[in-house]
């Protein structure tokens, strides 16, 4: 695996993703990478930042949402950040998203997109997103959904941890449920020696915005300590 560039591994990973299990009624799957225009954009993005064989540390969000990765196909990256912070033109408009805004403030504080992506890969516990009644749905919000997608999630994590990634530590972005779920899977499969939890950007931006700079520092400290 190490002989293949990180970019090629990621691009090959996203397009054929498919959940074979029958999901609960009224729940739809977000798979933007299946769309041709999104495939073109993610190819440009990952080729720009990951065309090497350097190992990356992994950060796992929950799952894509409608206005960020659900549009661009790139985790925690809404159309606004894709253009303004990454310099990648696209056909997705100019909309932003709270989680993307916070993450890219962290990325800029770290030294910018090139510096950040040279060391880290922003992933998700579940790489496909979900909606119900035109609203975002986390994989753990519905007990039946979580059970149905667990084999899919496990396979995706197995694939990603077989890449040239840093496995001593990873970061889990998200509340207690995402962290507990990932920890339980990790205890079984032993992908990482340690999982570092961080509060979700949306929670920070909605409820703790006055302390945003403190949370940016918390993220930076976690990033700086991950390789120790």
Protein backbone atom coordinates (compact mmCIF):
# COMPACT_ATOMS: atom_id res chain seq x y z
CA UNK A 1 0.00 0.00 0.00
CA UNK A 2 2.81 2.42 0.83
CA UNK A 3 3.96 2.32 -2.79
CA UNK A 4 0.76 4.10 -3.89
CA UNK A 5 0.31 7.82 -3.39
CA UNK A 6 -2.10 8.89 -0.69
CA UNK A 7 -4.14 10.77 -3.29
CA UNK A 8 -4.71 7.66 -5.40
CA UNK A 9 -5.81 5.65 -2.38
CA UNK A 10 -8.34 8.27 -1.32
CA UNK A 11 -9.79 8.82 -4.79
CA UNK A 12 -10.17 5.09 -5.37
CA UNK A 13 -11.80 4.73 -1.95
CA UNK A 14 -14.62 7.26 -2.34
CA UNK A 15 -16.29 6.66 -5.69
CA UNK A 16 -17.48 3.04 -5.29
CA UNK A 17 -18.70 3.38 -1.69
CA UNK A 18 -21.97 1.56 -1.20
CA UNK A 19 -24.08 0.48 1.78
CA UNK A 20 -25.60 -2.87 0.88
CA UNK A 21 -27.81 -3.10 3.97
CA UNK A 22 -31.45 -2.01 3.72
CA UNK A 23 -31.76 1.20 5.68
CA UNK A 24 -34.75 2.32 7.78
CA UNK A 25 -37.62 3.90 5.88
CA UNK A 26 -37.32 7.58 4.95
CA UNK A 27 -33.54 7.67 5.45
CA UNK A 28 -31.54 8.68 2.38
CA UNK A 29 -27.79 8.36 1.76
CA UNK A 30 -25.50 11.28 0.88
CA UNK A 31 -22.82 10.12 -1.55
CA UNK A 32 -21.64 13.23 -3.42
CA UNK A 33 -18.49 11.47 -4.68
CA UNK A 34 -20.70 9.39 -6.97
CA UNK A 35 -21.44 12.54 -9.01
CA UNK A 36 -19.12 13.31 -11.92
CA UNK A 37 -18.62 17.00 -11.10
CA UNK A 38 -17.75 16.09 -7.50
CA UNK A 39 -15.35 13.40 -8.68
CA UNK A 40 -13.51 16.00 -10.73
CA UNK A 41 -13.23 18.35 -7.75
CA UNK A 42 -12.03 15.76 -5.27
CA UNK A 43 -9.49 14.52 -7.78
CA UNK A 44 -8.14 18.07 -8.04
CA UNK A 45 -8.15 18.54 -4.26
CA UNK A 46 -6.50 15.27 -3.32
CA UNK A 47 -4.00 15.47 -6.15
CA UNK A 48 -3.02 18.95 -4.94
CA UNK A 49 -2.47 17.97 -1.31
CA UNK A 50 -1.79 14.23 -1.24
CA UNK A 51 0.33 13.33 -4.27
CA UNK A 52 3.06 11.78 -2.14
CA UNK A 53 3.66 8.72 -0.01
CA UNK A 54 4.03 10.45 3.35
CA UNK A 55 2.06 8.96 6.26
CA UNK A 56 -0.84 11.03 7.61
CA UNK A 57 -2.51 11.10 10.99
CA UNK A 58 -6.27 10.63 10.83
CA UNK A 59 -9.03 12.83 12.21
CA UNK A 60 -12.49 11.29 12.21
CA UNK A 61 -15.66 13.35 12.12
CA UNK A 62 -19.13 11.81 12.34
CA UNK A 63 -20.44 11.67 8.78
CA UNK A 64 -20.87 14.19 5.95
CA UNK A 65 -23.60 16.81 6.18
CA UNK A 66 -25.72 18.38 3.45
CA UNK A 67 -23.88 21.71 3.21
CA UNK A 68 -20.24 20.67 3.66
CA UNK A 69 -18.83 17.34 2.52
CA UNK A 70 -22.30 16.44 1.28
CA UNK A 71 -21.74 19.03 -1.44
CA UNK A 72 -17.98 19.06 -2.07
CA UNK A 73 -17.16 15.46 -1.23
CA UNK A 74 -14.34 16.69 1.04
CA UNK A 75 -14.76 16.36 4.79
CA UNK A 76 -15.31 19.58 6.76
CA UNK A 77 -14.96 21.57 3.55
CA UNK A 78 -17.89 23.63 2.26
CA UNK A 79 -17.83 25.40 -1.14
CA UNK A 80 -16.61 28.69 0.38
CA UNK A 81 -13.58 27.10 2.06
CA UNK A 82 -12.80 24.95 -0.97
CA UNK A 83 -12.33 28.10 -3.06
CA UNK A 84 -11.05 30.64 -0.55
CA UNK A 85 -8.78 28.45 1.59
CA UNK A 86 -7.78 25.74 -0.87
CA UNK A 87 -7.78 27.74 -4.11
CA UNK A 88 -9.85 25.17 -5.97
CA UNK A 89 -12.50 26.40 -8.41
CA UNK A 90 -15.75 24.45 -8.47
CA UNK A 91 -19.39 24.62 -9.58
CA UNK A 92 -20.96 24.40 -6.11
CA UNK A 93 -21.69 28.04 -5.35
CA UNK A 94 -20.39 30.06 -2.39
CA UNK A 95 -22.21 28.65 0.61
CA UNK A 96 -20.43 28.03 3.88
CA UNK A 97 -21.12 25.79 6.85
CA UNK A 98 -20.39 26.24 10.57
CA UNK A 99 -18.19 23.19 11.02
CA UNK A 100 -16.15 24.06 7.95
CA UNK A 101 -15.69 27.63 9.18
CA UNK A 102 -14.24 26.44 12.49
CA UNK A 103 -12.05 23.71 11.00
CA UNK A 104 -10.55 26.11 8.49
CA UNK A 105 -9.82 28.62 11.23
CA UNK A 106 -7.88 25.80 12.88
CA UNK A 107 -6.18 24.97 9.58
CA UNK A 108 -5.18 28.59 9.00
CA UNK A 109 -3.86 28.85 12.56
CA UNK A 110 -1.86 25.68 11.91
CA UNK A 111 -0.18 27.28 8.93
CA UNK A 112 -2.65 26.88 6.08
CA UNK A 113 -4.08 24.08 3.98
CA UNK A 114 -0.78 22.88 2.49
CA UNK A 115 0.87 22.56 5.89
CA UNK A 116 -2.15 20.90 7.47
CA UNK A 117 -2.88 18.39 4.73
CA UNK A 118 0.78 17.41 4.48
CA UNK A 119 0.38 15.79 7.89
CA UNK A 120 -3.32 15.01 8.38
CA UNK A 121 -6.30 13.50 6.63
CA UNK A 122 -9.80 14.59 7.66
CA UNK A 123 -11.98 11.51 7.50
CA UNK A 124 -15.31 10.46 9.02
CA UNK A 125 -16.33 7.46 11.07
CA UNK A 126 -18.99 6.92 8.42
CA UNK A 127 -17.82 8.29 5.05
CA UNK A 128 -21.36 8.51 3.68
CA UNK A 129 -23.92 10.88 5.15
CA UNK A 130 -27.63 10.54 5.82
CA UNK A 131 -30.74 12.68 5.68
CA UNK A 132 -34.26 12.24 6.98
CA UNK A 133 -37.06 14.66 6.14
CA UNK A 134 -34.47 16.90 4.43
CA UNK A 135 -32.41 17.23 7.61
CA UNK A 136 -28.96 15.91 8.44
CA UNK A 137 -28.93 12.63 10.33
CA UNK A 138 -25.93 11.25 12.18
CA UNK A 139 -25.32 7.51 11.86
CA UNK A 140 -25.89 7.11 15.62
CA UNK A 141 -29.14 9.14 15.74
CA UNK A 142 -31.16 6.10 14.75
CA UNK A 143 -30.43 2.83 16.55
CA UNK A 144 -31.47 0.67 13.61
CA UNK A 145 -29.41 2.76 11.18
CA UNK A 146 -26.33 2.46 13.36
CA UNK A 147 -26.66 -1.31 13.52
CA UNK A 148 -27.23 -1.56 9.77
CA UNK A 149 -24.20 0.53 8.81
CA UNK A 150 -21.72 -0.90 11.32
CA UNK A 151 -20.36 -3.54 8.89
CA UNK A 152 -19.91 -0.82 6.26
CA UNK A 153 -18.19 1.51 8.73
CA UNK A 154 -15.92 -1.29 9.90
CA UNK A 155 -14.89 -2.14 6.34
CA UNK A 156 -14.15 1.53 5.60
CA UNK A 157 -12.02 1.89 8.71
CA UNK A 158 -10.15 -1.30 7.87
CA UNK A 159 -9.42 0.08 4.40
CA UNK A 160 -8.18 3.45 5.63
CA UNK A 161 -5.98 2.05 8.40
CA UNK A 162 -4.31 -0.21 5.82
CA UNK A 163 -3.04 2.91 4.03
CA UNK A 164 0.24 4.54 5.01
CA UNK A 165 -1.25 6.20 8.08
CA UNK A 166 -0.03 6.97 11.57
CA UNK A 167 -1.65 4.49 13.94
CA UNK A 168 -0.24 5.40 17.33
CA UNK A 169 -2.93 8.06 17.80
CA UNK A 170 -5.93 9.45 15.97
CA UNK A 171 -8.37 12.25 16.73
CA UNK A 172 -12.12 11.80 17.05
CA UNK A 173 -14.07 14.95 16.24
CA UNK A 174 -17.50 14.79 17.75
CA UNK A 175 -19.51 14.34 20.88
CA UNK A 176 -19.59 11.49 23.30
CA UNK A 177 -21.59 9.20 21.00
CA UNK A 178 -19.13 9.36 18.10
CA UNK A 179 -16.16 8.88 20.43
CA UNK A 180 -17.74 5.97 22.30
CA UNK A 181 -18.74 4.23 19.07
CA UNK A 182 -15.29 4.60 17.50
CA UNK A 183 -13.62 3.53 20.74
CA UNK A 184 -15.73 0.37 20.92
CA UNK A 185 -14.79 -0.56 17.34
CA UNK A 186 -11.15 0.24 18.01
CA UNK A 187 -11.11 -1.92 21.12
CA UNK A 188 -12.22 -4.81 18.94
CA UNK A 189 -9.97 -4.22 15.95
CA UNK A 190 -6.96 -2.44 17.52
CA UNK A 191 -6.46 0.11 14.75
CA UNK A 192 -5.04 2.80 17.04
CA UNK A 193 -3.20 2.82 20.35
CA UNK A 194 -5.04 5.96 21.47
CA UNK A 195 -8.04 8.00 20.36
CA UNK A 196 -8.05 11.69 21.30
CA UNK A 197 -11.56 13.20 21.58
CA UNK A 198 -12.32 16.78 20.58
CA UNK A 199 -15.65 18.66 20.75
CA UNK A 200 -17.50 18.98 17.48
CA UNK A 201 -17.10 22.28 15.58
CA UNK A 202 -20.84 22.75 15.21
CA UNK A 203 -21.29 22.53 18.99
CA UNK A 204 -18.51 25.07 19.45
CA UNK A 205 -19.90 27.50 16.86
CA UNK A 206 -23.49 27.23 18.10
CA UNK A 207 -23.02 27.16 21.86
CA UNK A 208 -19.45 28.18 22.72
CA UNK A 209 -18.63 30.78 20.10
CA UNK A 210 -17.41 33.30 22.69
CA UNK A 211 -14.75 30.75 23.64
CA UNK A 212 -13.86 29.88 20.04
CA UNK A 213 -10.20 30.90 20.35
CA UNK A 214 -9.81 28.60 23.35
CA UNK A 215 -11.21 25.71 21.31
CA UNK A 216 -8.93 26.52 18.39
CA UNK A 217 -6.01 26.27 20.81
CA UNK A 218 -7.40 22.96 22.07
CA UNK A 219 -7.42 21.62 18.52
CA UNK A 220 -3.91 22.93 17.82
CA UNK A 221 -2.59 21.29 20.99
CA UNK A 222 -4.13 17.96 19.99
CA UNK A 223 -2.63 18.22 16.51
CA UNK A 224 0.79 19.14 17.83
CA UNK A 225 0.76 16.29 20.36
CA UNK A 226 -0.51 13.54 18.08
CA UNK A 227 2.95 12.53 16.90
CA UNK A 228 4.48 12.54 20.41
